[in-house]
C-alpha cells in the first residue's frame, strides 16, 4: 500500500492476477493511494494478517481508506478504480480467489457508502496498474496493451 500527495509520484503495482489492485484518488486535494491485496479474508492466517494486513482485502482496503483520510483526503471526493481479480492460475474455478477478493471489496465499499468509478476485473490475464497522483489518471497494462480506466 502507498499513499501520496506528491504530484510527481506515480504509484504502480505489477502482476495483478487473482490479486486485487485498488486505487483511490481525491482530485480536489490531489491525494492518491494504491493497494495490492492477495487474499480476501484475514481469518485464514491471523498471524500473517497481523504482520502484513495489506495482503488481505478485508484489512488492507480499510487501511488504505483510513490513510487517505489521515493525509487530508475527503471521502465524498474519492474516485475509486479497481483491477485484477482474474483466474490466471485457477482455470477450473476451484478456488475463485479473484472473485472472492472482488466480492469482499464490494462489501467494504458498500458499507462505507463508496462506489467504484471504473474497473477492469476478471478474465484470465495478469495486469499492471498505475496511478498518476497529479491527475488521478489510472493506466492499466495487460496483454501488451495499455488503456486508461
N, C-alpha and C. Protein backbone atom coordinates (compact mmCIF):
# COMPACT_ATOMS: atom_id res chain seq x y z
N UNK A 1 0.84 -1.18 0.00
CA UNK A 1 0.00 0.00 0.00
C UNK A 1 0.89 1.24 0.00
N UNK A 2 0.46 2.23 -0.75
CA UNK A 2 1.16 3.52 -0.76
C UNK A 2 0.12 4.63 -0.93
N UNK A 3 0.36 5.73 -0.23
CA UNK A 3 -0.48 6.92 -0.36
C UNK A 3 0.45 8.11 -0.53
N UNK A 4 0.08 9.03 -1.43
CA UNK A 4 0.95 10.16 -1.71
C UNK A 4 0.14 11.41 -2.06
N UNK A 5 0.72 12.55 -1.69
CA UNK A 5 0.18 13.84 -2.11
C UNK A 5 1.20 14.57 -2.98
N UNK A 6 2.24 13.87 -3.39
CA UNK A 6 3.27 14.45 -4.24
C UNK A 6 2.83 14.35 -5.70
N UNK A 7 2.59 15.48 -6.37
CA UNK A 7 2.07 15.43 -7.75
C UNK A 7 3.03 14.76 -8.74
N UNK A 8 4.29 14.62 -8.38
CA UNK A 8 5.25 13.96 -9.27
C UNK A 8 5.22 12.44 -9.16
N UNK A 9 4.54 11.92 -8.15
CA UNK A 9 4.54 10.47 -7.92
C UNK A 9 3.59 9.74 -8.87
N UNK A 10 4.01 8.55 -9.24
CA UNK A 10 3.17 7.59 -9.96
C UNK A 10 3.26 6.29 -9.16
N UNK A 11 2.14 5.85 -8.63
CA UNK A 11 2.10 4.62 -7.86
C UNK A 11 1.83 3.46 -8.81
N UNK A 12 2.58 2.36 -8.65
CA UNK A 12 2.49 1.24 -9.58
C UNK A 12 2.43 -0.07 -8.81
N UNK A 13 1.63 -0.99 -9.32
CA UNK A 13 1.65 -2.36 -8.83
C UNK A 13 1.63 -3.29 -10.04
N UNK A 14 2.37 -4.38 -9.92
CA UNK A 14 2.56 -5.33 -11.02
C UNK A 14 1.91 -6.67 -10.70
N UNK A 15 1.72 -7.45 -11.73
CA UNK A 15 1.31 -8.86 -11.61
C UNK A 15 0.00 -9.05 -10.85
N UNK A 16 -1.00 -8.27 -11.21
CA UNK A 16 -2.33 -8.47 -10.63
C UNK A 16 -3.00 -9.62 -11.38
N UNK A 17 -2.94 -10.78 -10.80
CA UNK A 17 -3.64 -11.93 -11.34
C UNK A 17 -4.96 -12.03 -10.59
N UNK A 18 -5.03 -13.00 -9.67
CA UNK A 18 -6.22 -13.09 -8.81
C UNK A 18 -6.19 -11.99 -7.76
N UNK A 19 -5.04 -11.36 -7.59
CA UNK A 19 -4.92 -10.25 -6.64
C UNK A 19 -5.79 -9.08 -7.09
N UNK A 20 -6.01 -8.18 -6.17
CA UNK A 20 -6.86 -7.03 -6.45
C UNK A 20 -6.05 -5.75 -6.27
N UNK A 21 -6.05 -4.90 -7.27
CA UNK A 21 -5.43 -3.59 -7.19
C UNK A 21 -6.52 -2.55 -7.07
N UNK A 22 -6.40 -1.70 -6.06
CA UNK A 22 -7.41 -0.67 -5.82
C UNK A 22 -6.72 0.69 -5.75
N UNK A 23 -7.18 1.63 -6.56
CA UNK A 23 -6.69 3.00 -6.48
C UNK A 23 -7.80 3.88 -5.91
N UNK A 24 -7.38 4.83 -5.09
CA UNK A 24 -8.30 5.83 -4.54
C UNK A 24 -7.64 7.18 -4.79
N UNK A 25 -8.40 8.11 -5.36
CA UNK A 25 -7.84 9.43 -5.66
C UNK A 25 -8.84 10.50 -5.26
N UNK A 26 -8.32 11.53 -4.60
CA UNK A 26 -9.11 12.71 -4.27
C UNK A 26 -8.63 13.80 -5.23
N UNK A 27 -9.40 14.09 -6.29
CA UNK A 27 -8.95 15.05 -7.29
C UNK A 27 -8.91 16.49 -6.79
N UNK A 28 -9.64 16.80 -5.76
CA UNK A 28 -9.66 18.16 -5.23
C UNK A 28 -8.36 18.45 -4.49
N UNK A 29 -7.92 17.52 -3.67
CA UNK A 29 -6.72 17.71 -2.87
C UNK A 29 -5.49 17.04 -3.48
N UNK A 30 -5.69 16.34 -4.57
CA UNK A 30 -4.62 15.63 -5.30
C UNK A 30 -3.84 14.69 -4.39
N UNK A 31 -4.59 13.83 -3.72
CA UNK A 31 -4.03 12.79 -2.88
C UNK A 31 -4.49 11.46 -3.47
N UNK A 32 -3.56 10.52 -3.58
CA UNK A 32 -3.93 9.23 -4.14
C UNK A 32 -3.29 8.08 -3.39
N UNK A 33 -3.92 6.94 -3.50
CA UNK A 33 -3.41 5.74 -2.87
C UNK A 33 -3.66 4.52 -3.72
N UNK A 34 -2.83 3.51 -3.48
CA UNK A 34 -2.94 2.26 -4.23
C UNK A 34 -2.61 1.11 -3.30
N UNK A 35 -3.35 0.03 -3.43
CA UNK A 35 -3.07 -1.18 -2.66
C UNK A 35 -3.16 -2.39 -3.57
N UNK A 36 -2.35 -3.40 -3.26
CA UNK A 36 -2.33 -4.67 -3.97
C UNK A 36 -2.60 -5.75 -2.93
N UNK A 37 -3.81 -6.30 -2.95
CA UNK A 37 -4.22 -7.32 -1.97
C UNK A 37 -4.24 -8.69 -2.63
N UNK A 38 -3.76 -9.69 -1.90
CA UNK A 38 -3.65 -11.04 -2.45
C UNK A 38 -4.83 -11.96 -2.10
N UNK A 39 -5.36 -11.81 -0.91
CA UNK A 39 -6.38 -12.75 -0.42
C UNK A 39 -7.56 -11.99 0.17
N UNK A 40 -8.74 -12.59 0.13
CA UNK A 40 -9.93 -11.86 0.57
C UNK A 40 -10.03 -11.66 2.09
N UNK A 41 -9.84 -12.71 2.87
CA UNK A 41 -10.14 -12.63 4.30
C UNK A 41 -8.95 -12.99 5.17
N UNK A 42 -8.69 -12.16 6.15
CA UNK A 42 -7.54 -12.32 7.03
C UNK A 42 -7.69 -13.48 8.01
N UNK A 43 -8.89 -13.96 8.21
CA UNK A 43 -9.10 -15.03 9.21
C UNK A 43 -8.39 -16.33 8.84
N UNK A 44 -7.97 -16.48 7.58
CA UNK A 44 -7.29 -17.72 7.20
C UNK A 44 -5.89 -17.82 7.80
N UNK A 45 -5.30 -16.69 8.17
CA UNK A 45 -3.95 -16.68 8.75
C UNK A 45 -3.80 -15.45 9.65
N UNK A 46 -4.33 -15.51 10.87
CA UNK A 46 -4.30 -14.35 11.77
C UNK A 46 -2.89 -13.82 12.04
N UNK A 47 -1.91 -14.71 12.14
CA UNK A 47 -0.54 -14.25 12.40
C UNK A 47 -0.01 -13.44 11.23
N UNK A 48 -0.21 -13.94 10.02
CA UNK A 48 0.22 -13.23 8.82
C UNK A 48 -0.55 -11.92 8.69
N UNK A 49 -1.83 -11.94 9.03
CA UNK A 49 -2.67 -10.74 8.95
C UNK A 49 -2.16 -9.65 9.88
N UNK A 50 -1.70 -10.04 11.04
CA UNK A 50 -1.17 -9.04 11.97
C UNK A 50 0.15 -8.48 11.46
N UNK A 51 0.96 -9.34 10.88
CA UNK A 51 2.27 -8.94 10.36
C UNK A 51 2.16 -8.12 9.08
N UNK A 52 1.25 -8.52 8.18
CA UNK A 52 1.13 -7.87 6.87
C UNK A 52 -0.35 -7.71 6.49
N UNK A 53 -1.06 -6.78 7.14
CA UNK A 53 -2.50 -6.66 6.92
C UNK A 53 -2.90 -6.30 5.48
N UNK A 54 -2.03 -5.64 4.75
CA UNK A 54 -2.38 -5.23 3.39
C UNK A 54 -2.43 -6.38 2.40
N UNK A 55 -1.99 -7.56 2.82
CA UNK A 55 -2.13 -8.74 1.96
C UNK A 55 -3.60 -9.13 1.79
N UNK A 56 -4.44 -8.70 2.72
CA UNK A 56 -5.83 -9.13 2.77
C UNK A 56 -6.77 -7.98 2.46
N UNK A 57 -7.76 -8.24 1.62
CA UNK A 57 -8.72 -7.21 1.22
C UNK A 57 -9.47 -6.67 2.44
N UNK A 58 -9.92 -7.56 3.34
CA UNK A 58 -10.73 -7.12 4.47
C UNK A 58 -10.00 -6.21 5.44
N UNK A 59 -8.68 -6.29 5.50
CA UNK A 59 -7.90 -5.40 6.36
C UNK A 59 -7.22 -4.27 5.58
N UNK A 60 -6.70 -4.60 4.42
CA UNK A 60 -5.92 -3.64 3.64
C UNK A 60 -6.72 -2.48 3.09
N UNK A 61 -7.88 -2.76 2.54
CA UNK A 61 -8.68 -1.68 1.93
C UNK A 61 -9.12 -0.66 2.99
N UNK A 62 -9.62 -1.09 4.15
CA UNK A 62 -9.93 -0.10 5.19
C UNK A 62 -8.70 0.71 5.62
N UNK A 63 -7.52 0.06 5.66
CA UNK A 63 -6.30 0.80 5.99
C UNK A 63 -5.99 1.85 4.93
N UNK A 64 -6.18 1.50 3.67
CA UNK A 64 -5.96 2.47 2.58
C UNK A 64 -6.91 3.66 2.73
N UNK A 65 -8.18 3.39 2.95
CA UNK A 65 -9.16 4.47 3.11
C UNK A 65 -8.80 5.37 4.30
N UNK A 66 -8.41 4.74 5.41
CA UNK A 66 -8.04 5.49 6.61
C UNK A 66 -6.82 6.36 6.36
N UNK A 67 -5.82 5.82 5.67
CA UNK A 67 -4.60 6.60 5.40
C UNK A 67 -4.90 7.77 4.45
N UNK A 68 -5.78 7.56 3.49
CA UNK A 68 -6.19 8.66 2.61
C UNK A 68 -6.79 9.79 3.44
N UNK A 69 -7.68 9.45 4.36
CA UNK A 69 -8.30 10.46 5.22
C UNK A 69 -7.27 11.12 6.14
N UNK A 70 -6.35 10.32 6.67
CA UNK A 70 -5.30 10.87 7.54
C UNK A 70 -4.42 11.88 6.82
N UNK A 71 -4.27 11.71 5.50
CA UNK A 71 -3.43 12.64 4.74
C UNK A 71 -4.22 13.84 4.22
N UNK A 72 -5.51 13.92 4.57
CA UNK A 72 -6.29 15.10 4.23
C UNK A 72 -7.31 14.93 3.13
N UNK A 73 -7.43 13.73 2.57
CA UNK A 73 -8.43 13.49 1.53
C UNK A 73 -9.83 13.50 2.15
N UNK A 74 -10.83 13.77 1.32
CA UNK A 74 -12.22 13.77 1.78
C UNK A 74 -12.97 12.63 1.10
N UNK A 75 -13.63 11.83 1.90
CA UNK A 75 -14.33 10.64 1.43
C UNK A 75 -15.31 10.94 0.29
N UNK A 76 -16.00 12.07 0.39
CA UNK A 76 -17.01 12.39 -0.63
C UNK A 76 -16.39 12.69 -1.99
N UNK A 77 -15.07 12.90 -2.04
CA UNK A 77 -14.40 13.17 -3.31
C UNK A 77 -13.62 11.97 -3.84
N UNK A 78 -13.67 10.84 -3.16
CA UNK A 78 -12.92 9.66 -3.60
C UNK A 78 -13.36 9.19 -4.99
N UNK A 79 -12.39 8.93 -5.83
CA UNK A 79 -12.61 8.27 -7.12
C UNK A 79 -11.87 6.94 -7.02
N UNK A 80 -12.63 5.85 -7.06
CA UNK A 80 -12.06 4.52 -6.83
C UNK A 80 -12.08 3.72 -8.13
N UNK A 81 -10.92 3.14 -8.44
CA UNK A 81 -10.79 2.31 -9.64
C UNK A 81 -10.12 1.00 -9.24
N UNK A 82 -10.54 -0.07 -9.90
CA UNK A 82 -10.16 -1.42 -9.48
C UNK A 82 -9.71 -2.25 -10.67
N UNK A 83 -8.69 -3.09 -10.45
CA UNK A 83 -8.24 -4.01 -11.49
C UNK A 83 -7.78 -5.31 -10.84
N UNK A 84 -7.80 -6.37 -11.64
CA UNK A 84 -7.32 -7.68 -11.17
C UNK A 84 -8.47 -8.65 -11.04
N UNK A 85 -8.42 -9.45 -9.97
CA UNK A 85 -9.46 -10.43 -9.66
C UNK A 85 -9.68 -11.42 -10.81
N UNK A 86 -8.60 -11.78 -11.49
CA UNK A 86 -8.74 -12.74 -12.58
C UNK A 86 -8.52 -14.16 -12.06
N UNK A 87 -8.56 -15.11 -12.96
CA UNK A 87 -8.36 -16.51 -12.58
C UNK A 87 -7.18 -17.08 -13.36
N UNK A 88 -6.05 -16.38 -13.29
CA UNK A 88 -4.85 -16.76 -14.03
C UNK A 88 -4.39 -18.18 -13.70
N UNK A 89 -4.33 -18.52 -12.43
CA UNK A 89 -3.82 -19.83 -12.02
C UNK A 89 -4.93 -20.78 -11.59
N UNK A 90 -6.17 -20.43 -11.86
CA UNK A 90 -7.30 -21.22 -11.39
C UNK A 90 -8.31 -21.38 -12.53
N UNK A 91 -7.85 -21.92 -13.64
CA UNK A 91 -8.70 -22.02 -14.84
C UNK A 91 -9.96 -22.85 -14.62
N UNK A 92 -9.92 -23.80 -13.70
CA UNK A 92 -11.10 -24.63 -13.45
C UNK A 92 -12.04 -24.01 -12.42
N UNK A 93 -11.66 -22.88 -11.84
CA UNK A 93 -12.54 -22.20 -10.89
C UNK A 93 -12.68 -22.88 -9.55
N UNK A 94 -11.66 -23.61 -9.12
CA UNK A 94 -11.75 -24.32 -7.84
C UNK A 94 -11.69 -23.38 -6.65
N UNK A 95 -10.81 -22.40 -6.69
CA UNK A 95 -10.61 -21.54 -5.53
C UNK A 95 -11.33 -20.20 -5.64
N UNK A 96 -11.47 -19.69 -6.86
CA UNK A 96 -12.18 -18.44 -7.13
C UNK A 96 -11.67 -17.29 -6.25
N UNK A 97 -10.36 -17.23 -6.04
CA UNK A 97 -9.78 -16.20 -5.18
C UNK A 97 -10.04 -14.81 -5.74
N UNK A 98 -9.86 -14.63 -7.05
CA UNK A 98 -10.11 -13.32 -7.65
C UNK A 98 -11.54 -12.87 -7.43
N UNK A 99 -12.47 -13.76 -7.66
CA UNK A 99 -13.89 -13.45 -7.47
C UNK A 99 -14.18 -13.12 -6.01
N UNK A 100 -13.60 -13.88 -5.10
CA UNK A 100 -13.81 -13.63 -3.67
C UNK A 100 -13.17 -12.31 -3.25
N UNK A 101 -11.98 -11.99 -3.77
CA UNK A 101 -11.35 -10.70 -3.48
C UNK A 101 -12.28 -9.56 -3.87
N UNK A 102 -12.84 -9.65 -5.06
CA UNK A 102 -13.73 -8.61 -5.58
C UNK A 102 -15.00 -8.49 -4.73
N UNK A 103 -15.56 -9.62 -4.33
CA UNK A 103 -16.78 -9.61 -3.51
C UNK A 103 -16.54 -8.92 -2.17
N UNK A 104 -15.42 -9.24 -1.53
CA UNK A 104 -15.10 -8.61 -0.24
C UNK A 104 -14.90 -7.11 -0.42
N UNK A 105 -14.21 -6.72 -1.49
CA UNK A 105 -14.03 -5.29 -1.77
C UNK A 105 -15.37 -4.59 -1.91
N UNK A 106 -16.27 -5.16 -2.70
CA UNK A 106 -17.58 -4.53 -2.91
C UNK A 106 -18.33 -4.35 -1.59
N UNK A 107 -18.24 -5.33 -0.71
CA UNK A 107 -18.90 -5.22 0.60
C UNK A 107 -18.32 -4.07 1.42
N UNK A 108 -17.00 -3.97 1.44
CA UNK A 108 -16.35 -2.91 2.22
C UNK A 108 -16.75 -1.54 1.68
N UNK A 109 -16.70 -1.38 0.37
CA UNK A 109 -17.07 -0.09 -0.22
C UNK A 109 -18.53 0.23 0.05
N UNK A 110 -19.41 -0.75 -0.09
CA UNK A 110 -20.83 -0.54 0.16
C UNK A 110 -21.06 -0.09 1.60
N UNK A 111 -20.40 -0.74 2.55
CA UNK A 111 -20.55 -0.37 3.96
C UNK A 111 -20.06 1.05 4.24
N UNK A 112 -19.15 1.54 3.41
CA UNK A 112 -18.61 2.89 3.57
C UNK A 112 -19.27 3.92 2.65
N UNK A 113 -20.31 3.51 1.95
CA UNK A 113 -21.02 4.42 1.06
C UNK A 113 -20.19 4.87 -0.14
N UNK A 114 -19.32 3.98 -0.62
CA UNK A 114 -18.43 4.32 -1.73
C UNK A 114 -18.74 3.47 -2.96
N UNK A 115 -18.54 4.07 -4.12
CA UNK A 115 -18.79 3.38 -5.38
C UNK A 115 -17.51 3.25 -6.19
N UNK A 116 -17.48 2.28 -7.07
CA UNK A 116 -16.35 2.10 -7.99
C UNK A 116 -16.64 2.91 -9.24
N UNK A 117 -15.69 3.78 -9.61
CA UNK A 117 -15.85 4.63 -10.80
C UNK A 117 -15.50 3.89 -12.07
N UNK A 118 -14.54 2.97 -12.00
CA UNK A 118 -14.12 2.20 -13.17
C UNK A 118 -13.44 0.92 -12.69
N UNK A 119 -13.54 -0.10 -13.52
CA UNK A 119 -12.91 -1.37 -13.15
C UNK A 119 -12.55 -2.16 -14.39
N UNK A 120 -11.56 -3.01 -14.21
CA UNK A 120 -11.14 -3.96 -15.24
C UNK A 120 -10.78 -5.22 -14.46
N UNK A 121 -11.78 -6.08 -14.27
CA UNK A 121 -11.61 -7.26 -13.41
C UNK A 121 -12.03 -8.52 -14.14
N UNK A 122 -11.58 -9.64 -13.58
CA UNK A 122 -11.96 -10.95 -14.10
C UNK A 122 -11.08 -11.39 -15.26
N UNK A 123 -11.57 -12.36 -15.98
CA UNK A 123 -10.82 -12.90 -17.10
C UNK A 123 -9.68 -13.78 -16.60
N UNK A 124 -8.67 -13.92 -17.45
CA UNK A 124 -7.53 -14.76 -17.07
C UNK A 124 -6.21 -14.13 -17.49
N UNK A 125 -6.10 -12.81 -17.28
CA UNK A 125 -4.89 -12.09 -17.63
C UNK A 125 -4.26 -11.46 -16.38
N UNK A 126 -2.97 -11.23 -16.47
CA UNK A 126 -2.25 -10.50 -15.44
C UNK A 126 -2.19 -9.04 -15.85
N UNK A 127 -2.28 -8.15 -14.88
CA UNK A 127 -2.35 -6.72 -15.18
C UNK A 127 -1.33 -5.92 -14.35
N UNK A 128 -0.93 -4.78 -14.91
CA UNK A 128 -0.14 -3.78 -14.19
C UNK A 128 -1.00 -2.53 -14.08
N UNK A 129 -0.97 -1.89 -12.93
CA UNK A 129 -1.84 -0.74 -12.65
C UNK A 129 -0.98 0.44 -12.20
N UNK A 130 -1.24 1.62 -12.80
CA UNK A 130 -0.51 2.84 -12.45
C UNK A 130 -1.50 3.96 -12.11
N UNK A 131 -1.20 4.69 -11.04
CA UNK A 131 -2.00 5.86 -10.65
C UNK A 131 -1.10 7.08 -10.66
N UNK A 132 -1.45 8.07 -11.47
CA UNK A 132 -0.71 9.34 -11.51
C UNK A 132 -1.36 10.29 -10.51
N UNK A 133 -0.60 10.66 -9.49
CA UNK A 133 -1.14 11.46 -8.39
C UNK A 133 -1.62 12.83 -8.88
N UNK A 134 -0.90 13.49 -9.75
CA UNK A 134 -1.24 14.85 -10.20
C UNK A 134 -2.60 14.91 -10.89
N UNK A 135 -2.92 13.87 -11.66
CA UNK A 135 -4.12 13.90 -12.48
C UNK A 135 -5.20 12.91 -12.07
N UNK A 136 -4.81 11.88 -11.32
CA UNK A 136 -5.75 10.81 -10.99
C UNK A 136 -5.91 9.81 -12.10
N UNK A 137 -5.16 9.99 -13.18
CA UNK A 137 -5.25 9.06 -14.31
C UNK A 137 -4.79 7.67 -13.86
N UNK A 138 -5.58 6.65 -14.22
CA UNK A 138 -5.24 5.27 -13.92
C UNK A 138 -5.03 4.55 -15.25
N UNK A 139 -3.82 4.02 -15.42
CA UNK A 139 -3.46 3.33 -16.66
C UNK A 139 -3.27 1.85 -16.33
N UNK A 140 -3.88 1.02 -17.15
CA UNK A 140 -3.82 -0.42 -16.97
C UNK A 140 -3.10 -1.04 -18.15
N UNK A 141 -2.17 -1.92 -17.85
CA UNK A 141 -1.46 -2.63 -18.92
C UNK A 141 -1.75 -4.12 -18.77
N UNK A 142 -2.19 -4.71 -19.88
CA UNK A 142 -2.49 -6.14 -19.90
C UNK A 142 -2.32 -6.64 -21.33
N UNK A 143 -1.68 -7.77 -21.48
CA UNK A 143 -1.51 -8.35 -22.80
C UNK A 143 -0.78 -7.44 -23.78
N UNK A 144 0.16 -6.65 -23.29
CA UNK A 144 0.92 -5.77 -24.14
C UNK A 144 0.21 -4.50 -24.55
N UNK A 145 -1.00 -4.29 -24.07
CA UNK A 145 -1.77 -3.08 -24.40
C UNK A 145 -2.00 -2.25 -23.15
N UNK A 146 -2.03 -0.91 -23.33
CA UNK A 146 -2.31 0.00 -22.24
C UNK A 146 -3.63 0.72 -22.51
N UNK A 147 -4.45 0.81 -21.45
CA UNK A 147 -5.70 1.57 -21.55
C UNK A 147 -5.86 2.42 -20.30
N UNK A 148 -6.61 3.47 -20.41
CA UNK A 148 -6.95 4.26 -19.24
C UNK A 148 -8.31 3.78 -18.74
N UNK A 149 -8.38 3.57 -17.42
CA UNK A 149 -9.68 3.19 -16.86
C UNK A 149 -10.16 4.30 -15.93
